[in-house]
């Protein structure tokens, strides 16, 4: 990922709406530590403000004068409404930095944004990566959680748990498996349940078939004859997933199996399944090719227009990492009480999630988010201001997790990196005070500023000019 340095940052960047928050602007690099007692100007703009007297200057803005103290700029401000605010920092009429703050109502402010993937595969089924190494690859890309959903294999996730047992990685392995009920090509992603569903038909096929016949007797009469048996098998899977304490996700309806020229689920059958009430979420993004994703989004929008409220998630359905179109480009942002299995599946079930598709490359990347306007608005802010810098911090953790799994890195290194990530996140959300520059750091910068002031009156290479060049300081 290419560097995107900034001179200044504001802390916290997420605040409660309608309440006075104590804000701190700090330097991202030593050379930009604010001068003691020097005056700076701050303009705060409400981005969703609708009063304007011209295109360039919204009426809904505030001006503050700040004074440097203890190597920072501090102020109190009430961000009145839930929305994005832009903060423009000036000194001597020169724009130094533009920063962003998001104000939230208390219900959303109480939740933790998490980036994750609810559908992926390892070498223990038909993937290409070791399960524990795969967890490290996910953390390296800034993910907070991942559900290993190997085909008909629930146990493979335990390999990740055992590898990192007793190690604070900051990363959650969500329970899961991909269920392929015999006699039906409809896949069901099982996430969060406390036991395997697939193991039931793998070990007792006759018992499974008998239970399917019981389900068949309960299939609604409105289901057309050609779909009734498959519907019953999906019913068996989703009921067993719910009994295990998990959620059932309907994945990739526009997936074309290798060697096939047709989709694995007909449009009419997909609509029946999505409207059946059997599923807790819909895999809107991932694993279907771009035409399939476009059709998937259109299908979801059509059903939403009919009143269907089925949460959407984004998943990679990753098998191999090299050249993957979907990892780390298709994922879910969920808003949960904690980064743990039960809290994550509860958030998804409640619709506190956004499906995300990343397009472009490292030079120009854009995100397409799908969900409610409220959550999508917040998610876009997080993708720019939180998840991208967090990925840079998590990168080392993920690399060291894989090294630890191969006994090439001590536990203390992994946990030290995790602590750095956790502290940065806590400051971002205001759960920890801003980290001010120490007296030693300020003395260091003062010493080198004196040397800079003693130099020639120029910013660049031309010393002798007919006009005086302003110093860069």
Foldseek 3Di string as FASTA:
>chain_A
DDDDDAQKAKWAQEAAAQDKDKMKIAGPDLLNQADAFAKKKKKKAFPPDDADPDDPDHPRMDMDIFGHDLRITIDIDHRHDFAKMWMFMGHPNHTRDIYIHGHDHPVLLLWDKFWEFQAAEAPVAQFDHQLLLVQLVCLLQLGQEYEHAEELDQCSLVVNCVLQPPFPQSHEHWGWHWYDQPPALFIKTWTRFPDGPSVCCVVPVPVLVVQLVVLLVVFDPPDDPVCSSNVSSLLSSLVVSVVRVTFIEGEQQQAAPVPGPGGRHDLVRVVCVQPVPSGLAYALAERRPPVSNVVSVVSVVVVVVVVRDHAYWWHHRHRYDVPRQVVPFWIKIAIFSDSYHNRRRVRSSVNRMWIWGWDDDPVDIDIDIDGDPSNVSVVVVCVVPPSVVLSVLSSVLSVQSSCSSVVNHDSVVNNVSVVVSVVVSCRNSVVDPDDRDDPVSNVVSVVVVVVQVPDAQAPDDDRDDPDGHHRDD
